[in-house]
C-alpha atoms as a PDB file:
ATOM      1  CA  MET A   1       8.967  10.937  21.540  1.00  0.00           C
ATOM      2  CA  THR A   2       6.503   8.100  21.251  1.00  0.00           C
ATOM      3  CA  ASP A   3       5.249   8.796  17.744  1.00  0.00           C
ATOM      4  CA  LYS A   4       3.601   5.769  16.205  1.00  0.00           C
ATOM      5  CA  PRO A   5       4.932   5.068  12.695  1.00  0.00           C
ATOM      6  CA  ALA A   6       2.326   5.601   9.979  1.00  0.00           C
ATOM      7  CA  THR A   7       1.279   2.621   7.873  1.00  0.00           C
ATOM      8  CA  THR A   8       1.408   3.074   4.108  1.00  0.00           C
ATOM      9  CA  TYR A   9      -0.683   0.998   1.701  1.00  0.00           C
ATOM     10  CA  ILE A  10       0.662   0.340  -1.791  1.00  0.00           C
ATOM     11  CA  ILE A  11      -1.615  -0.774  -4.615  1.00  0.00           C
ATOM     12  CA  SER A  12       0.154  -2.629  -7.419  1.00  0.00           C
ATOM     13  CA  VAL A  13      -1.185  -3.985 -10.715  1.00  0.00           C
ATOM     14  CA  PHE A  14       0.322  -6.874 -12.659  1.00  0.00           C
ATOM     15  CA  GLU A  15       1.384  -5.807 -16.141  1.00  0.00           C
ATOM     16  CA  LYS A  16       3.354  -8.535 -17.871  1.00  0.00           C
ATOM     17  CA  PRO A  17       6.108  -9.293 -16.929  1.00  0.00           C
ATOM     18  CA  HIS A  18       6.244  -7.103 -13.767  1.00  0.00           C
ATOM     19  CA  TRP A  19       4.136  -5.609 -11.009  1.00  0.00           C
ATOM     20  CA  ARG A  20       3.636  -1.832 -11.365  1.00  0.00           C
ATOM     21  CA  THR A  21       2.874   0.489  -8.460  1.00  0.00           C
ATOM     22  CA  VAL A  22      -0.269   2.484  -9.120  1.00  0.00           C
ATOM     23  CA  LEU A  23      -1.112   4.252  -5.863  1.00  0.00           C
ATOM     24  CA  THR A  24       0.227   4.796  -2.379  1.00  0.00           C
ATOM     25  CA  THR A  25      -1.992   6.018   0.437  1.00  0.00           C
ATOM     26  CA  LYS A  26      -2.202   6.114   4.233  1.00  0.00           C
ATOM     27  CA  ASP A  27      -5.921   5.173   4.216  1.00  0.00           C
ATOM     28  CA  LYS A  28      -6.697   1.434   4.201  1.00  0.00           C
ATOM     29  CA  THR A  29     -10.312   1.762   3.047  1.00  0.00           C
ATOM     30  CA  LYS A  30      -9.275   4.025   0.158  1.00  0.00           C
ATOM     31  CA  ALA A  31      -6.605   1.509  -0.880  1.00  0.00           C
ATOM     32  CA  LEU A  32      -9.047  -1.408  -0.843  1.00  0.00           C
ATOM     33  CA  ALA A  33     -11.662   0.609  -2.763  1.00  0.00           C
ATOM     34  CA  MET A  34      -9.125   1.521  -5.467  1.00  0.00           C
ATOM     35  CA  ALA A  35      -8.005  -2.116  -5.756  1.00  0.00           C
ATOM     36  CA  LYS A  36     -11.621  -3.236  -6.152  1.00  0.00           C
ATOM     37  CA  GLU A  37     -12.235  -0.560  -8.796  1.00  0.00           C
ATOM     38  CA  ILE A  38      -9.144  -1.559 -10.808  1.00  0.00           C
ATOM     39  CA  GLY A  39     -10.171  -5.220 -10.913  1.00  0.00           C
ATOM     40  CA  ASP A  40      -8.252  -8.482 -10.809  1.00  0.00           C
ATOM     41  CA  LYS A  41      -4.470  -8.912 -10.817  1.00  0.00           C
ATOM     42  CA  VAL A  42      -4.198  -6.270  -8.090  1.00  0.00           C
ATOM     43  CA  ARG A  43      -2.459  -6.550  -4.749  1.00  0.00           C
ATOM     44  CA  VAL A  44      -2.430  -4.262  -1.717  1.00  0.00           C
ATOM     45  CA  GLU A  45       0.701  -4.247   0.431  1.00  0.00           C
ATOM     46  CA  GLU A  46       0.912  -2.826   3.934  1.00  0.00           C
ATOM     47  CA  ILE A  47       4.194  -1.247   5.043  1.00  0.00           C
ATOM     48  CA  THR A  48       4.813  -0.015   8.581  1.00  0.00           C
ATOM     49  CA  PRO A  49       8.290   1.333   9.341  1.00  0.00           C
ATOM     50  CA  LYS A  50       9.949   0.231  12.552  1.00  0.00           C
ATOM     51  CA  PRO A  51      10.469   2.944  15.163  1.00  0.00           C
ATOM     52  CA  LYS A  52      13.973   4.347  15.398  1.00  0.00           C
ATOM     53  CA  ARG A  53      16.061   3.267  18.388  1.00  0.00           C
ATOM     54  CA  ARG A  54      17.959   5.740  20.448  1.00  0.00           C
END
């Protein structure tokens, strides 16, 4: 099996005193559009799991 791990994008918003996760999606353009719509104090993280070893 040579399945490529799927990348997940997490959009978080800063609400004092912590960051809160708002949305998770597999689509990068959707994640960036949501972050732009929400405004400032937003970050988009990219997470790609490592493939399992056999």
